PDB file of N, CA and C in Angstrom:
ATOM      1  N   MET A   1      -6.513  12.154  15.164  1.00  0.00           N
ATOM      2  CA  MET A   1      -5.552  11.060  14.783  1.00  0.00           C
ATOM      3  C   MET A   1      -4.303  11.946  14.552  1.00  0.00           C
ATOM      4  N   ASN A   2      -3.175  11.360  14.964  1.00  0.00           N
ATOM      5  CA  ASN A   2      -1.828  11.919  14.977  1.00  0.00           C
ATOM      6  C   ASN A   2      -1.504  11.738  13.373  1.00  0.00           C
ATOM      7  N   TYR A   3      -1.308  12.766  12.621  1.00  0.00           N
ATOM      8  CA  TYR A   3      -0.696  12.921  11.248  1.00  0.00           C
ATOM      9  C   TYR A   3       0.498  12.127  11.031  1.00  0.00           C
ATOM     10  N   GLN A   4       1.406  12.181  11.866  1.00  0.00           N
ATOM     11  CA  GLN A   4       2.720  11.344  11.657  1.00  0.00           C
ATOM     12  C   GLN A   4       2.398   9.801  11.419  1.00  0.00           C
ATOM     13  N   ILE A   5       1.434   9.354  12.423  1.00  0.00           N
ATOM     14  CA  ILE A   5       1.244   7.982  12.327  1.00  0.00           C
ATOM     15  C   ILE A   5       0.543   7.646  11.127  1.00  0.00           C
ATOM     16  N   LEU A   6      -0.310   8.454  10.717  1.00  0.00           N
ATOM     17  CA  LEU A   6      -1.183   8.310   9.288  1.00  0.00           C
ATOM     18  C   LEU A   6      -0.141   8.260   8.197  1.00  0.00           C
ATOM     19  N   VAL A   7       0.718   9.139   8.129  1.00  0.00           N
ATOM     20  CA  VAL A   7       1.660   9.295   6.976  1.00  0.00           C
ATOM     21  C   VAL A   7       2.731   7.978   7.173  1.00  0.00           C
ATOM     22  N   LEU A   8       3.044   7.557   8.424  1.00  0.00           N
ATOM     23  CA  LEU A   8       3.980   6.332   8.486  1.00  0.00           C
ATOM     24  C   LEU A   8       3.048   5.127   7.932  1.00  0.00           C
ATOM     25  N   PHE A   9       1.713   5.061   7.981  1.00  0.00           N
ATOM     26  CA  PHE A   9       0.888   3.812   7.595  1.00  0.00           C
ATOM     27  C   PHE A   9       0.897   3.856   6.093  1.00  0.00           C
ATOM     28  N   ILE A  10       0.776   5.124   5.623  1.00  0.00           N
ATOM     29  CA  ILE A  10       0.628   5.261   4.263  1.00  0.00           C
ATOM     30  C   ILE A  10       1.780   4.803   3.443  1.00  0.00           C
ATOM     31  N   ILE A  11       3.008   5.420   3.896  1.00  0.00           N
ATOM     32  CA  ILE A  11       4.416   5.035   3.586  1.00  0.00           C
ATOM     33  C   ILE A  11       4.589   3.331   3.632  1.00  0.00           C
ATOM     34  N   MET A  12       4.041   2.824   4.866  1.00  0.00           N
ATOM     35  CA  MET A  12       4.427   1.324   4.922  1.00  0.00           C
ATOM     36  C   MET A  12       3.291   0.727   3.947  1.00  0.00           C
ATOM     37  N   ALA A  13       2.196   1.161   3.652  1.00  0.00           N
ATOM     38  CA  ALA A  13       1.330   0.500   2.672  1.00  0.00           C
ATOM     39  C   ALA A  13       1.932   0.797   1.183  1.00  0.00           C
ATOM     40  N   LEU A  14       2.285   1.846   0.883  1.00  0.00           N
ATOM     41  CA  LEU A  14       3.000   1.938  -0.471  1.00  0.00           C
ATOM     42  C   LEU A  14       4.089   1.091  -0.770  1.00  0.00           C
ATOM     43  N   GLY A  15       4.969   1.179   0.506  1.00  0.00           N
ATOM     44  CA  GLY A  15       6.244   0.088   0.243  1.00  0.00           C
ATOM     45  C   GLY A  15       5.730  -1.312   0.171  1.00  0.00           C
ATOM     46  N   LEU A  16       4.680  -1.787   1.016  1.00  0.00           N
ATOM     47  CA  LEU A  16       4.315  -3.140   0.895  1.00  0.00           C
ATOM     48  C   LEU A  16       3.682  -3.496  -0.539  1.00  0.00           C
ATOM     49  N   ARG A  17       3.184  -2.417  -1.005  1.00  0.00           N
ATOM     50  CA  ARG A  17       2.611  -2.525  -2.383  1.00  0.00           C
ATOM     51  C   ARG A  17       3.470  -2.811  -3.462  1.00  0.00           C
ATOM     52  N   ARG A  18       4.736  -2.065  -3.424  1.00  0.00           N
ATOM     53  CA  ARG A  18       5.815  -1.891  -4.198  1.00  0.00           C
ATOM     54  C   ARG A  18       6.308  -3.256  -4.214  1.00  0.00           C
ATOM     55  N   LYS A  19       6.673  -3.761  -2.671  1.00  0.00           N
ATOM     56  CA  LYS A  19       7.369  -4.968  -2.879  1.00  0.00           C
ATOM     57  C   LYS A  19       6.502  -6.168  -3.478  1.00  0.00           C
ATOM     58  N   MET A  20       5.353  -6.110  -3.306  1.00  0.00           N
ATOM     59  CA  MET A  20       4.480  -7.081  -3.961  1.00  0.00           C
ATOM     60  C   MET A  20       4.504  -7.148  -5.471  1.00  0.00           C
ATOM     61  N   PHE A  21       4.622  -5.746  -5.873  1.00  0.00           N
ATOM     62  CA  PHE A  21       4.791  -5.676  -7.466  1.00  0.00           C
ATOM     63  C   PHE A  21       6.253  -6.285  -7.648  1.00  0.00           C
ATOM     64  N   ASN A  22       7.388  -6.051  -7.016  1.00  0.00           N
ATOM     65  CA  ASN A  22       8.506  -6.523  -7.259  1.00  0.00           C
ATOM     66  C   ASN A  22       8.698  -7.889  -7.432  1.00  0.00           C
ATOM     67  N   ARG A  23       7.917  -8.502  -6.318  1.00  0.00           N
ATOM     68  CA  ARG A  23       8.041 -10.029  -6.151  1.00  0.00           C
ATOM     69  C   ARG A  23       7.222 -10.524  -7.357  1.00  0.00           C
ATOM     70  N   ARG A  24       5.973 -10.260  -7.781  1.00  0.00           N
ATOM     71  CA  ARG A  24       5.435 -10.782  -8.952  1.00  0.00           C
ATOM     72  C   ARG A  24       6.386 -10.568 -10.193  1.00  0.00           C
ATOM     73  N   ARG A  25       7.039  -9.410 -10.340  1.00  0.00           N
ATOM     74  CA  ARG A  25       7.914  -9.187 -11.544  1.00  0.00           C
ATOM     75  C   ARG A  25       9.011 -10.355 -11.468  1.00  0.00           C
ATOM     76  N   LEU A  26       9.464 -10.351 -10.160  1.00  0.00           N
ATOM     77  CA  LEU A  26      10.709 -11.522 -10.163  1.00  0.00           C
ATOM     78  C   LEU A  26      10.204 -13.043 -10.474  1.00  0.00           C
ATOM     79  N   ASP A  27       8.902 -13.133 -10.033  1.00  0.00           N
ATOM     80  CA  ASP A  27       8.462 -14.463 -10.199  1.00  0.00           C
ATOM     81  C   ASP A  27       7.973 -14.828 -11.711  1.00  0.00           C
ATOM     82  N   ALA A  28       7.746 -13.723 -12.266  1.00  0.00           N
ATOM     83  CA  ALA A  28       7.417 -13.895 -13.837  1.00  0.00           C
ATOM     84  C   ALA A  28       8.550 -13.855 -14.693  1.00  0.00           C
ATOM     85  N   GLY A  29       9.727 -14.033 -14.026  1.00  0.00           N
ATOM     86  CA  GLY A  29      10.903 -14.103 -14.939  1.00  0.00           C
ATOM     87  C   GLY A  29      11.420 -12.635 -15.460  1.00  0.00           C
ATOM     88  N   MET A  30      10.888 -11.449 -15.095  1.00  0.00           N
ATOM     89  CA  MET A  30      11.449 -10.335 -15.477  1.00  0.00           C
ATOM     90  C   MET A  30      12.772  -9.909 -14.711  1.00  0.00           C
ATOM     91  N   PRO A  31      13.694  -9.068 -15.377  1.00  0.00           N
ATOM     92  CA  PRO A  31      14.759  -8.877 -14.614  1.00  0.00           C
ATOM     93  C   PRO A  31      14.398  -7.912 -13.501  1.00  0.00           C
ATOM     94  N   ASP A  32      15.158  -8.061 -12.350  1.00  0.00           N
ATOM     95  CA  ASP A  32      15.013  -7.420 -11.294  1.00  0.00           C
ATOM     96  C   ASP A  32      16.054  -6.026 -11.325  1.00  0.00           C
ATOM     97  N   ALA A  33      15.541  -5.013 -10.810  1.00  0.00           N
ATOM     98  CA  ALA A  33      16.230  -3.696 -10.802  1.00  0.00           C
ATOM     99  C   ALA A  33      17.438  -3.970 -10.013  1.00  0.00           C
ATOM    100  N   ALA A  34      18.709  -3.676 -10.609  1.00  0.00           N
ATOM    101  CA  ALA A  34      20.025  -3.616  -9.964  1.00  0.00           C
ATOM    102  C   ALA A  34      20.032  -2.660  -8.831  1.00  0.00           C
ATOM    103  N   PRO A  35      20.461  -2.880  -7.846  1.00  0.00           N
ATOM    104  CA  PRO A  35      21.013  -1.881  -6.903  1.00  0.00           C
ATOM    105  C   PRO A  35      21.995  -0.801  -7.153  1.00  0.00           C
ATOM    106  N   SER A  36      21.548   0.445  -6.918  1.00  0.00           N
ATOM    107  CA  SER A  36      22.355   1.743  -7.144  1.00  0.00           C
ATOM    108  C   SER A  36      23.705   1.554  -6.304  1.00  0.00           C
ATOM    109  N   PRO A  37      24.698   2.355  -6.512  1.00  0.00           N
ATOM    110  CA  PRO A  37      25.738   2.388  -5.555  1.00  0.00           C
ATOM    111  C   PRO A  37      25.153   3.136  -4.277  1.00  0.00           C
ATOM    112  N   PHE A  38      24.362   4.212  -4.551  1.00  0.00           N
ATOM    113  CA  PHE A  38      23.690   4.763  -3.604  1.00  0.00           C
ATOM    114  C   PHE A  38      23.047   3.931  -2.267  1.00  0.00           C
ATOM    115  N   SER A  39      22.244   3.150  -2.978  1.00  0.00           N
ATOM    116  CA  SER A  39      21.326   2.177  -2.171  1.00  0.00           C
ATOM    117  C   SER A  39      22.125   1.177  -1.351  1.00  0.00           C
ATOM    118  N   ARG A  40      23.269   0.636  -2.004  1.00  0.00           N
ATOM    119  CA  ARG A  40      24.257  -0.119  -1.396  1.00  0.00           C
ATOM    120  C   ARG A  40      24.979   0.441  -0.349  1.00  0.00           C
ATOM    121  N   ALA A  41      25.422   1.707  -0.484  1.00  0.00           N
ATOM    122  CA  ALA A  41      26.081   2.570   0.566  1.00  0.00           C
ATOM    123  C   ALA A  41      25.270   2.772   1.654  1.00  0.00           C
ATOM    124  N   LEU A  42      23.972   3.143   1.301  1.00  0.00           N
ATOM    125  CA  LEU A  42      23.046   3.567   2.462  1.00  0.00           C
ATOM    126  C   LEU A  42      22.572   2.350   3.267  1.00  0.00           C
ATOM    127  N   THR A  43      22.677   1.149   2.710  1.00  0.00           N
ATOM    128  CA  THR A  43      22.316  -0.286   3.306  1.00  0.00           C
ATOM    129  C   THR A  43      23.475  -0.580   4.383  1.00  0.00           C
ATOM    130  N   GLU A  44      24.835  -0.388   3.823  1.00  0.00           N
ATOM    131  CA  GLU A  44      25.864  -0.778   4.622  1.00  0.00           C
ATOM    132  C   GLU A  44      26.225   0.233   5.651  1.00  0.00           C
ATOM    133  N   LEU A  45      25.751   1.768   5.581  1.00  0.00           N
ATOM    134  CA  LEU A  45      25.761   2.688   6.627  1.00  0.00           C
ATOM    135  C   LEU A  45      24.777   2.183   7.658  1.00  0.00           C
ATOM    136  N   LEU A  46      23.586   1.949   7.290  1.00  0.00           N
ATOM    137  CA  LEU A  46      22.771   1.496   8.333  1.00  0.00           C
ATOM    138  C   LEU A  46      23.006   0.403   8.999  1.00  0.00           C
ATOM    139  N   ALA A  47      23.636  -0.681   8.336  1.00  0.00           N
ATOM    140  CA  ALA A  47      23.956  -1.817   9.019  1.00  0.00           C
ATOM    141  C   ALA A  47      25.059  -1.614   9.933  1.00  0.00           C
ATOM    142  N   ALA A  48      26.060  -0.868   9.646  1.00  0.00           N
ATOM    143  CA  ALA A  48      27.123  -0.593  10.321  1.00  0.00           C
ATOM    144  C   ALA A  48      26.671   0.203  11.812  1.00  0.00           C
ATOM    145  N   ALA A  49      25.789   1.255  11.371  1.00  0.00           N
ATOM    146  CA  ALA A  49      25.283   2.041  12.705  1.00  0.00           C
ATOM    147  C   ALA A  49      24.365   1.465  13.337  1.00  0.00           C
ATOM    148  N   GLY A  50      23.801   0.277  12.954  1.00  0.00           N
ATOM    149  CA  GLY A  50      23.166  -0.474  13.794  1.00  0.00           C
ATOM    150  C   GLY A  50      23.808  -1.412  14.551  1.00  0.00           C
ATOM    151  N   GLY A  51      24.841  -2.015  14.196  1.00  0.00           N
ATOM    152  CA  GLY A  51      25.899  -2.845  14.912  1.00  0.00           C
ATOM    153  C   GLY A  51      26.726  -1.954  16.196  1.00  0.00           C
ATOM    154  N   ILE A  52      26.786  -0.874  15.663  1.00  0.00           N
ATOM    155  CA  ILE A  52      27.593   0.064  16.596  1.00  0.00           C
ATOM    156  C   ILE A  52      26.621   0.549  17.611  1.00  0.00           C
ATOM    157  N   TYR A  53      25.281   0.719  17.515  1.00  0.00           N
ATOM    158  CA  TYR A  53      24.082   1.292  18.383  1.00  0.00           C
ATOM    159  C   TYR A  53      24.019  -0.031  19.303  1.00  0.00           C
ATOM    160  N   LEU A  54      24.111  -1.136  19.063  1.00  0.00           N
ATOM    161  CA  LEU A  54      23.823  -2.376  19.819  1.00  0.00           C
ATOM    162  C   LEU A  54      25.066  -2.434  20.709  1.00  0.00           C
ATOM    163  N   SER A  55      26.290  -2.028  20.259  1.00  0.00           N
ATOM    164  CA  SER A  55      27.403  -2.266  20.936  1.00  0.00           C
ATOM    165  C   SER A  55      27.337  -1.034  22.192  1.00  0.00           C
ATOM    166  N   LEU A  56      26.969   0.071  21.798  1.00  0.00           N
ATOM    167  CA  LEU A  56      26.901   1.120  22.716  1.00  0.00           C
ATOM    168  C   LEU A  56      25.836   0.738  23.655  1.00  0.00           C
ATOM    169  N   MET A  57      24.757   0.371  23.200  1.00  0.00           N
ATOM    170  CA  MET A  57      23.586  -0.117  24.204  1.00  0.00           C
ATOM    171  C   MET A  57      24.098  -1.017  25.339  1.00  0.00           C
ATOM    172  N   LEU A  58      24.914  -2.121  24.933  1.00  0.00           N
ATOM    173  CA  LEU A  58      25.482  -3.145  25.759  1.00  0.00           C
ATOM    174  C   LEU A  58      26.431  -2.532  26.833  1.00  0.00           C
ATOM    175  N   LEU A  59      27.229  -1.434  26.223  1.00  0.00           N
ATOM    176  CA  LEU A  59      28.158  -0.813  26.939  1.00  0.00           C
ATOM    177  C   LEU A  59      27.612   0.115  27.992  1.00  0.00           C
ATOM    178  N   VAL A  60      26.589   0.877  27.720  1.00  0.00           N
ATOM    179  CA  VAL A  60      26.101   1.639  28.598  1.00  0.00           C
ATOM    180  C   VAL A  60      25.226   0.871  29.763  1.00  0.00           C
ATOM    181  N   GLN A  61      24.594  -0.179  29.342  1.00  0.00           N
ATOM    182  CA  GLN A  61      24.033  -1.068  30.487  1.00  0.00           C
ATOM    183  C   GLN A  61      24.956  -1.826  31.144  1.00  0.00           C
ATOM    184  N   PHE A  62      26.181  -2.288  30.580  1.00  0.00           N
ATOM    185  CA  PHE A  62      27.142  -2.883  31.449  1.00  0.00           C
ATOM    186  C   PHE A  62      27.856  -1.934  32.562  1.00  0.00           C
ATOM    187  N   LEU A  63      28.107  -0.898  32.025  1.00  0.00           N
ATOM    188  CA  LEU A  63      28.678   0.205  32.846  1.00  0.00           C
ATOM    189  C   LEU A  63      27.712   1.124  33.791  1.00  0.00           C
ATOM    190  N   SER A  64      26.355   0.914  33.434  1.00  0.00           N
ATOM    191  CA  SER A  64      25.417   1.519  34.386  1.00  0.00           C
ATOM    192  C   SER A  64      25.580   2.896  34.270  1.00  0.00           C
ATOM    193  N   VAL A  65      25.558   3.437  33.040  1.00  0.00           N
ATOM    194  CA  VAL A  65      25.847   5.053  32.672  1.00  0.00           C
ATOM    195  C   VAL A  65      24.414   5.449  32.485  1.00  0.00           C
ATOM    196  N   ASP A  66      24.089   6.494  33.143  1.00  0.00           N
ATOM    197  CA  ASP A  66      22.962   7.157  32.855  1.00  0.00           C
ATOM    198  C   ASP A  66      23.106   8.298  31.840  1.00  0.00           C
ATOM    199  N   ILE A  67      22.376   8.077  30.744  1.00  0.00           N
ATOM    200  CA  ILE A  67      22.299   9.064  29.639  1.00  0.00           C
ATOM    201  C   ILE A  67      20.749   9.437  29.570  1.00  0.00           C
ATOM    202  N   PRO A  68      20.613  10.582  28.926  1.00  0.00           N
ATOM    203  CA  PRO A  68      19.171  10.963  28.568  1.00  0.00           C
ATOM    204  C   PRO A  68      18.492  10.197  27.611  1.00  0.00           C
ATOM    205  N   SER A  69      17.235   9.974  27.626  1.00  0.00           N
ATOM    206  CA  SER A  69      16.509   9.167  26.450  1.00  0.00           C
ATOM    207  C   SER A  69      16.376   9.846  25.172  1.00  0.00           C
ATOM    208  N   GLN A  70      16.498  11.122  25.621  1.00  0.00           N
ATOM    209  CA  GLN A  70      16.238  11.882  24.144  1.00  0.00           C
ATOM    210  C   GLN A  70      17.047  13.088  24.358  1.00  0.00           C
ATOM    211  N   VAL A  71      17.550  13.623  23.313  1.00  0.00           N
ATOM    212  CA  VAL A  71      18.361  15.074  23.048  1.00  0.00           C
ATOM    213  C   VAL A  71      17.606  15.777  22.021  1.00  0.00           C
ATOM    214  N   ASP A  72      17.580  17.064  22.289  1.00  0.00           N
ATOM    215  CA  ASP A  72      16.983  17.900  21.228  1.00  0.00           C
ATOM    216  C   ASP A  72      17.995  18.564  20.480  1.00  0.00           C
ATOM    217  N   ILE A  73      17.795  18.272  19.187  1.00  0.00           N
ATOM    218  CA  ILE A  73      18.983  18.869  18.158  1.00  0.00           C
ATOM    219  C   ILE A  73      18.073  19.517  17.091  1.00  0.00           C
ATOM    220  N   ILE A  74      18.202  20.559  17.050  1.00  0.00           N
ATOM    221  CA  ILE A  74      17.752  21.494  15.823  1.00  0.00           C
ATOM    222  C   ILE A  74      16.379  21.058  15.888  1.00  0.00           C
ATOM    223  N   GLY A  75      15.404  21.109  16.924  1.00  0.00           N
ATOM    224  CA  GLY A  75      14.192  20.865  17.104  1.00  0.00           C
ATOM    225  C   GLY A  75      13.715  19.357  16.989  1.00  0.00           C
ATOM    226  N   LEU A  76      14.714  18.577  16.767  1.00  0.00           N
ATOM    227  CA  LEU A  76      14.230  17.112  16.577  1.00  0.00           C
ATOM    228  C   LEU A  76      14.886  16.360  18.051  1.00  0.00           C
ATOM    229  N   GLU A  77      13.942  15.503  18.478  1.00  0.00           N
ATOM    230  CA  GLU A  77      14.169  14.674  19.700  1.00  0.00           C
ATOM    231  C   GLU A  77      14.727  13.441  19.033  1.00  0.00           C
ATOM    232  N   ILE A  78      16.134  13.166  19.453  1.00  0.00           N
ATOM    233  CA  ILE A  78      16.907  12.042  19.056  1.00  0.00           C
ATOM    234  C   ILE A  78      17.426  11.236  20.041  1.00  0.00           C
ATOM    235  N   ASP A  79      17.262   9.890  19.985  1.00  0.00           N
ATOM    236  CA  ASP A  79      18.291   9.095  20.900  1.00  0.00           C
ATOM    237  C   ASP A  79      19.684   9.414  20.787  1.00  0.00           C
ATOM    238  N   PRO A  80      20.366   9.568  21.742  1.00  0.00           N
ATOM    239  CA  PRO A  80      21.871  10.072  21.771  1.00  0.00           C
ATOM    240  C   PRO A  80      22.417   8.984  21.280  1.00  0.00           C
ATOM    241  N   LEU A  81      22.265   7.854  21.631  1.00  0.00           N
ATOM    242  CA  LEU A  81      23.159   6.657  21.180  1.00  0.00           C
ATOM    243  C   LEU A  81      22.852   6.296  19.741  1.00  0.00           C
ATOM    244  N   ALA A  82      21.710   6.551  19.277  1.00  0.00           N
ATOM    245  CA  ALA A  82      21.533   6.455  17.782  1.00  0.00           C
ATOM    246  C   ALA A  82      22.307   7.517  17.009  1.00  0.00           C
ATOM    247  N   LEU A  83      22.275   8.680  17.482  1.00  0.00           N
ATOM    248  CA  LEU A  83      23.016   9.741  16.960  1.00  0.00           C
ATOM    249  C   LEU A  83      24.355   9.517  16.722  1.00  0.00           C
ATOM    250  N   VAL A  84      25.092   9.024  17.997  1.00  0.00           N
ATOM    251  CA  VAL A  84      26.514   8.766  17.843  1.00  0.00           C
ATOM    252  C   VAL A  84      26.672   7.524  17.175  1.00  0.00           C
ATOM    253  N   ALA A  85      25.988   6.707  17.067  1.00  0.00           N
ATOM    254  CA  ALA A  85      26.275   5.476  16.128  1.00  0.00           C
ATOM    255  C   ALA A  85      26.202   5.781  14.749  1.00  0.00           C
ATOM    256  N   VAL A  86      25.176   6.714  14.217  1.00  0.00           N
ATOM    257  CA  VAL A  86      25.196   7.072  12.954  1.00  0.00           C
ATOM    258  C   VAL A  86      26.450   7.944  12.583  1.00  0.00           C
ATOM    259  N   LEU A  87      26.668   8.768  13.532  1.00  0.00           N
ATOM    260  CA  LEU A  87      28.047   9.712  13.288  1.00  0.00           C
ATOM    261  C   LEU A  87      29.243   8.890  13.155  1.00  0.00           C
ATOM    262  N   ILE A  88      29.299   7.929  13.991  1.00  0.00           N
ATOM    263  CA  ILE A  88      30.618   7.061  13.884  1.00  0.00           C
ATOM    264  C   ILE A  88      30.591   6.295  12.508  1.00  0.00           C
ATOM    265  N   ALA A  89      29.207   5.693  12.306  1.00  0.00           N
ATOM    266  CA  ALA A  89      29.240   4.901  11.145  1.00  0.00           C
ATOM    267  C   ALA A  89      29.461   5.825   9.864  1.00  0.00           C
ATOM    268  N   SER A  90      29.192   7.051   9.752  1.00  0.00           N
ATOM    269  CA  SER A  90      29.316   7.982   8.769  1.00  0.00           C
ATOM    270  C   SER A  90      30.485   8.593   8.633  1.00  0.00           C
ATOM    271  N   LEU A  91      31.427   8.690   9.562  1.00  0.00           N
ATOM    272  CA  LEU A  91      32.872   9.002   9.823  1.00  0.00           C
ATOM    273  C   LEU A  91      34.081   7.953   9.535  1.00  0.00           C
ATOM    274  N   GLN A  92      33.441   6.673   9.646  1.00  0.00           N
ATOM    275  CA  GLN A  92      34.311   5.414   9.311  1.00  0.00           C
ATOM    276  C   GLN A  92      34.978   5.301   8.093  1.00  0.00           C
ATOM    277  N   PRO A  93      34.344   5.664   6.927  1.00  0.00           N
ATOM    278  CA  PRO A  93      35.130   5.625   5.624  1.00  0.00           C
ATOM    279  C   PRO A  93      36.144   6.523   5.580  1.00  0.00           C
ATOM    280  N   PHE A  94      36.002   7.507   6.340  1.00  0.00           N
ATOM    281  CA  PHE A  94      37.223   8.579   6.080  1.00  0.00           C
ATOM    282  C   PHE A  94      38.596   8.227   7.070  1.00  0.00           C
ATOM    283  N   PHE A  95      38.260   7.177   7.869  1.00  0.00           N
ATOM    284  CA  PHE A  95      39.434   6.711   8.480  1.00  0.00           C
ATOM    285  C   PHE A  95      39.983   5.333   7.953  1.00  0.00           C
ATOM    286  N   VAL A  96      39.271   4.719   7.081  1.00  0.00           N
ATOM    287  CA  VAL A  96      39.606   3.453   6.558  1.00  0.00           C
ATOM    288  C   VAL A  96      41.050   3.666   5.684  1.00  0.00           C
ATOM    289  N   ASN A  97      41.081   4.688   4.836  1.00  0.00           N
ATOM    290  CA  ASN A  97      42.213   4.932   3.966  1.00  0.00           C
ATOM    291  C   ASN A  97      43.062   5.859   4.649  1.00  0.00           C
ATOM    292  N   SER A  98      43.237   6.006   6.029  1.00  0.00           N
ATOM    293  CA  SER A  98      43.904   7.265   6.321  1.00  0.00           C
ATOM    294  C   SER A  98      45.394   6.672   6.683  1.00  0.00           C
ATOM    295  N   LYS A  99      46.400   7.342   6.613  1.00  0.00           N
ATOM    296  CA  LYS A  99      47.792   7.160   6.820  1.00  0.00           C
ATOM    297  C   LYS A  99      47.784   6.581   8.106  1.00  0.00           C
ATOM    298  N   PHE A 100      47.307   7.144   9.029  1.00  0.00           N
ATOM    299  CA  PHE A 100      47.341   6.649  10.543  1.00  0.00           C
ATOM    300  C   PHE A 100      47.171   5.355  10.588  1.00  0.00           C
ATOM    301  N   LEU A 101      45.996   4.565   9.972  1.00  0.00           N
ATOM    302  CA  LEU A 101      45.803   3.162  10.103  1.00  0.00           C
ATOM    303  C   LEU A 101      46.776   2.364   9.118  1.00  0.00           C
ATOM    304  N   LYS A 102      47.222   2.792   8.094  1.00  0.00           N
ATOM    305  CA  LYS A 102      48.176   2.068   7.292  1.00  0.00           C
ATOM    306  C   LYS A 102      49.650   1.884   7.959  1.00  0.00           C
ATOM    307  N   LYS A 103      49.888   2.677   8.924  1.00  0.00           N
ATOM    308  CA  LYS A 103      51.058   2.533   9.770  1.00  0.00           C
ATOM    309  C   LYS A 103      51.051   1.190  10.575  1.00  0.00           C
ATOM    310  N   TRP A 104      49.876   0.802  11.088  1.00  0.00           N
ATOM    311  CA  TRP A 104      49.586  -0.159  12.147  1.00  0.00           C
ATOM    312  C   TRP A 104      49.449  -1.555  11.294  1.00  0.00           C
TER     313      TRP A 104
END
């Protein structure tokens, strides 16, 4: 059996178990843990990257551009559109407060 799949199922099972514990605690009236600034930032980053990824997918399909399905970066096979989306979403906060955008 492929060990990566086994590890994935174990992580999913532990995550579901933790969600059930959190749900029981919330239903019992216990205070829920407040989200940390890191978890909020990570959620916003992934949401932005997901939106950018969908836009890039639609653009590539609309323009009928052929791109490789996987690229090898440091031994990891990654979807190039996903990589570009995460990079754009990661760089976006640096450009929000830039002087260039304040002139517009």
